[in-house]
């Protein structure tokens, strides 16, 4: 699938971390599988639970997260409108050494 198959809001509205009024400080952008507590791991390209010690799920920019989400959808041959992915702000708990879903588990349907 060419990149043009993905609209600018294919994984949610674009946002800048510093502009969001968040209850916890964000550490980066993450790609979340909707209805789960899993994030896209940058190293393996697989979705791992936020409690996984192996997870490296924070992207430095929205564009980096967007590109990774596009690659995952393409690799799994999922239609762009059926992917169930969202780019979200995420934190990292240094004490527990794990990622934190700032908004919790996002649902695929409101």
C-alpha atoms as a PDB file:
ATOM      1  CA  UNK A   1       0.000   0.000   0.000  1.00  0.00           C
ATOM      2  CA  UNK A   2       1.402   3.395  -0.869  1.00  0.00           C
ATOM      3  CA  UNK A   3       1.642   5.997   1.896  1.00  0.00           C
ATOM      4  CA  UNK A   4      -1.134   7.950   0.147  1.00  0.00           C
ATOM      5  CA  UNK A   5      -3.528   5.181   1.245  1.00  0.00           C
ATOM      6  CA  UNK A   6      -3.365   6.689   4.751  1.00  0.00           C
ATOM      7  CA  UNK A   7      -5.141   9.946   5.476  1.00  0.00           C
ATOM      8  CA  UNK A   8      -3.462  12.467   7.765  1.00  0.00           C
ATOM      9  CA  UNK A   9      -5.826  11.418  10.577  1.00  0.00           C
ATOM     10  CA  UNK A  10      -5.649   7.671   9.915  1.00  0.00           C
ATOM     11  CA  UNK A  11      -4.396   7.056  13.480  1.00  0.00           C
ATOM     12  CA  UNK A  12      -6.175   9.971  15.170  1.00  0.00           C
ATOM     13  CA  UNK A  13      -5.768  13.706  15.041  1.00  0.00           C
ATOM     14  CA  UNK A  14      -2.213  15.059  14.928  1.00  0.00           C
ATOM     15  CA  UNK A  15      -1.105  16.547  18.233  1.00  0.00           C
ATOM     16  CA  UNK A  16       1.931  18.045  19.898  1.00  0.00           C
ATOM     17  CA  UNK A  17       2.735  16.676  23.346  1.00  0.00           C
ATOM     18  CA  UNK A  18       3.488  20.099  24.824  1.00  0.00           C
ATOM     19  CA  UNK A  19       0.067  21.406  23.793  1.00  0.00           C
ATOM     20  CA  UNK A  20      -1.964  18.762  25.633  1.00  0.00           C
ATOM     21  CA  UNK A  21      -3.343  19.270  29.162  1.00  0.00           C
ATOM     22  CA  UNK A  22      -2.386  15.817  30.433  1.00  0.00           C
ATOM     23  CA  UNK A  23      -2.814  14.359  33.948  1.00  0.00           C
ATOM     24  CA  UNK A  24       0.685  12.787  33.700  1.00  0.00           C
ATOM     25  CA  UNK A  25       3.802  14.016  31.933  1.00  0.00           C
ATOM     26  CA  UNK A  26       4.259  12.351  28.534  1.00  0.00           C
ATOM     27  CA  UNK A  27       7.552  10.768  27.522  1.00  0.00           C
ATOM     28  CA  UNK A  28       6.690  10.353  23.858  1.00  0.00           C
ATOM     29  CA  UNK A  29       4.227   9.187  21.253  1.00  0.00           C
ATOM     30  CA  UNK A  30       3.049   5.569  21.143  1.00  0.00           C
ATOM     31  CA  UNK A  31       1.012   3.441  18.758  1.00  0.00           C
ATOM     32  CA  UNK A  32      -1.735   1.675  20.717  1.00  0.00           C
ATOM     33  CA  UNK A  33      -3.875  -1.214  19.521  1.00  0.00           C
ATOM     34  CA  UNK A  34      -7.394  -0.088  20.396  1.00  0.00           C
ATOM     35  CA  UNK A  35      -9.235  -2.100  23.073  1.00  0.00           C
ATOM     36  CA  UNK A  36      -5.908  -3.421  24.439  1.00  0.00           C
ATOM     37  CA  UNK A  37      -3.093  -2.341  26.732  1.00  0.00           C
ATOM     38  CA  UNK A  38      -0.519  -3.046  24.023  1.00  0.00           C
ATOM     39  CA  UNK A  39       1.865  -0.688  22.250  1.00  0.00           C
ATOM     40  CA  UNK A  40       3.886  -1.120  19.081  1.00  0.00           C
ATOM     41  CA  UNK A  41       7.447  -2.074  19.956  1.00  0.00           C
ATOM     42  CA  UNK A  42       9.954  -0.040  17.944  1.00  0.00           C
ATOM     43  CA  UNK A  43      12.527  -2.828  17.823  1.00  0.00           C
ATOM     44  CA  UNK A  44      10.415  -5.850  16.891  1.00  0.00           C
ATOM     45  CA  UNK A  45       7.427  -4.261  15.163  1.00  0.00           C
ATOM     46  CA  UNK A  46       5.107  -6.337  17.373  1.00  0.00           C
ATOM     47  CA  UNK A  47       2.507  -5.188  19.877  1.00  0.00           C
ATOM     48  CA  UNK A  48       3.584  -5.855  23.461  1.00  0.00           C
ATOM     49  CA  UNK A  49       1.777  -5.232  26.771  1.00  0.00           C
ATOM     50  CA  UNK A  50       2.713  -1.999  28.532  1.00  0.00           C
ATOM     51  CA  UNK A  51       4.044  -4.090  31.446  1.00  0.00           C
ATOM     52  CA  UNK A  52       6.510  -5.930  29.214  1.00  0.00           C
ATOM     53  CA  UNK A  53      10.122  -5.269  30.172  1.00  0.00           C
ATOM     54  CA  UNK A  54      11.116  -5.693  26.505  1.00  0.00           C
ATOM     55  CA  UNK A  55       8.781  -2.973  25.221  1.00  0.00           C
ATOM     56  CA  UNK A  56      10.415   0.020  23.564  1.00  0.00           C
ATOM     57  CA  UNK A  57       7.226   1.811  22.621  1.00  0.00           C
ATOM     58  CA  UNK A  58       7.977   5.537  22.656  1.00  0.00           C
ATOM     59  CA  UNK A  59       8.511   7.512  19.480  1.00  0.00           C
ATOM     60  CA  UNK A  60      10.138  10.951  19.500  1.00  0.00           C
ATOM     61  CA  UNK A  61       7.612  12.507  17.116  1.00  0.00           C
ATOM     62  CA  UNK A  62       4.107  12.060  15.809  1.00  0.00           C
ATOM     63  CA  UNK A  63       5.593  11.541  12.344  1.00  0.00           C
ATOM     64  CA  UNK A  64       7.806   8.678  13.572  1.00  0.00           C
ATOM     65  CA  UNK A  65       4.808   6.993  15.214  1.00  0.00           C
ATOM     66  CA  UNK A  66       2.710   7.563  12.085  1.00  0.00           C
ATOM     67  CA  UNK A  67       5.351   5.985   9.843  1.00  0.00           C
ATOM     68  CA  UNK A  68       5.663   2.959  12.152  1.00  0.00           C
ATOM     69  CA  UNK A  69       1.880   2.517  12.253  1.00  0.00           C
ATOM     70  CA  UNK A  70       1.727   2.673   8.440  1.00  0.00           C
ATOM     71  CA  UNK A  71       4.450   0.034   8.147  1.00  0.00           C
ATOM     72  CA  UNK A  72       2.652  -2.266  10.600  1.00  0.00           C
ATOM     73  CA  UNK A  73      -0.661  -1.971   8.713  1.00  0.00           C
ATOM     74  CA  UNK A  74       1.098  -2.579   5.400  1.00  0.00           C
ATOM     75  CA  UNK A  75       3.045  -5.585   6.727  1.00  0.00           C
ATOM     76  CA  UNK A  76      -0.171  -7.169   8.010  1.00  0.00           C
ATOM     77  CA  UNK A  77      -2.073  -6.389   4.799  1.00  0.00           C
ATOM     78  CA  UNK A  78      -4.900  -4.703   6.652  1.00  0.00           C
ATOM     79  CA  UNK A  79      -7.071  -2.183   4.850  1.00  0.00           C
ATOM     80  CA  UNK A  80      -6.258   1.351   6.041  1.00  0.00           C
ATOM     81  CA  UNK A  81      -9.790   1.798   7.408  1.00  0.00           C
ATOM     82  CA  UNK A  82      -9.700  -1.477   9.416  1.00  0.00           C
ATOM     83  CA  UNK A  83      -6.435  -1.246  11.383  1.00  0.00           C
ATOM     84  CA  UNK A  84      -7.629  -0.434  14.986  1.00  0.00           C
ATOM     85  CA  UNK A  85      -4.510   1.647  15.783  1.00  0.00           C
ATOM     86  CA  UNK A  86      -4.211   5.041  17.454  1.00  0.00           C
ATOM     87  CA  UNK A  87      -1.278   7.318  18.134  1.00  0.00           C
ATOM     88  CA  UNK A  88      -1.420   8.333  21.789  1.00  0.00           C
ATOM     89  CA  UNK A  89       0.680  10.238  24.304  1.00  0.00           C
ATOM     90  CA  UNK A  90       2.418   7.825  26.660  1.00  0.00           C
ATOM     91  CA  UNK A  91       4.584   8.065  29.716  1.00  0.00           C
ATOM     92  CA  UNK A  92       7.281   5.962  31.284  1.00  0.00           C
ATOM     93  CA  UNK A  93       7.379   5.121  34.987  1.00  0.00           C
ATOM     94  CA  UNK A  94      11.045   5.111  35.999  1.00  0.00           C
ATOM     95  CA  UNK A  95      10.334   3.357  39.309  1.00  0.00           C
ATOM     96  CA  UNK A  96       8.369   0.475  37.794  1.00  0.00           C
ATOM     97  CA  UNK A  97      10.348   0.566  34.541  1.00  0.00           C
ATOM     98  CA  UNK A  98       7.259   0.355  32.355  1.00  0.00           C
ATOM     99  CA  UNK A  99       5.230   2.378  29.921  1.00  0.00           C
ATOM    100  CA  UNK A 100       2.112   4.199  31.071  1.00  0.00           C
ATOM    101  CA  UNK A 101      -1.035   4.713  29.018  1.00  0.00           C
ATOM    102  CA  UNK A 102      -1.940   8.260  30.030  1.00  0.00           C
ATOM    103  CA  UNK A 103      -5.530   7.935  28.776  1.00  0.00           C
ATOM    104  CA  UNK A 104      -5.808   4.250  29.657  1.00  0.00           C
ATOM    105  CA  UNK A 105      -7.086   1.638  27.226  1.00  0.00           C
ATOM    106  CA  UNK A 106      -8.760   3.405  24.325  1.00  0.00           C
ATOM    107  CA  UNK A 107     -11.857   1.743  22.897  1.00  0.00           C
ATOM    108  CA  UNK A 108     -12.428   1.225  19.210  1.00  0.00           C
ATOM    109  CA  UNK A 109     -15.932   2.613  19.557  1.00  0.00           C
ATOM    110  CA  UNK A 110     -17.106   5.546  21.656  1.00  0.00           C
END
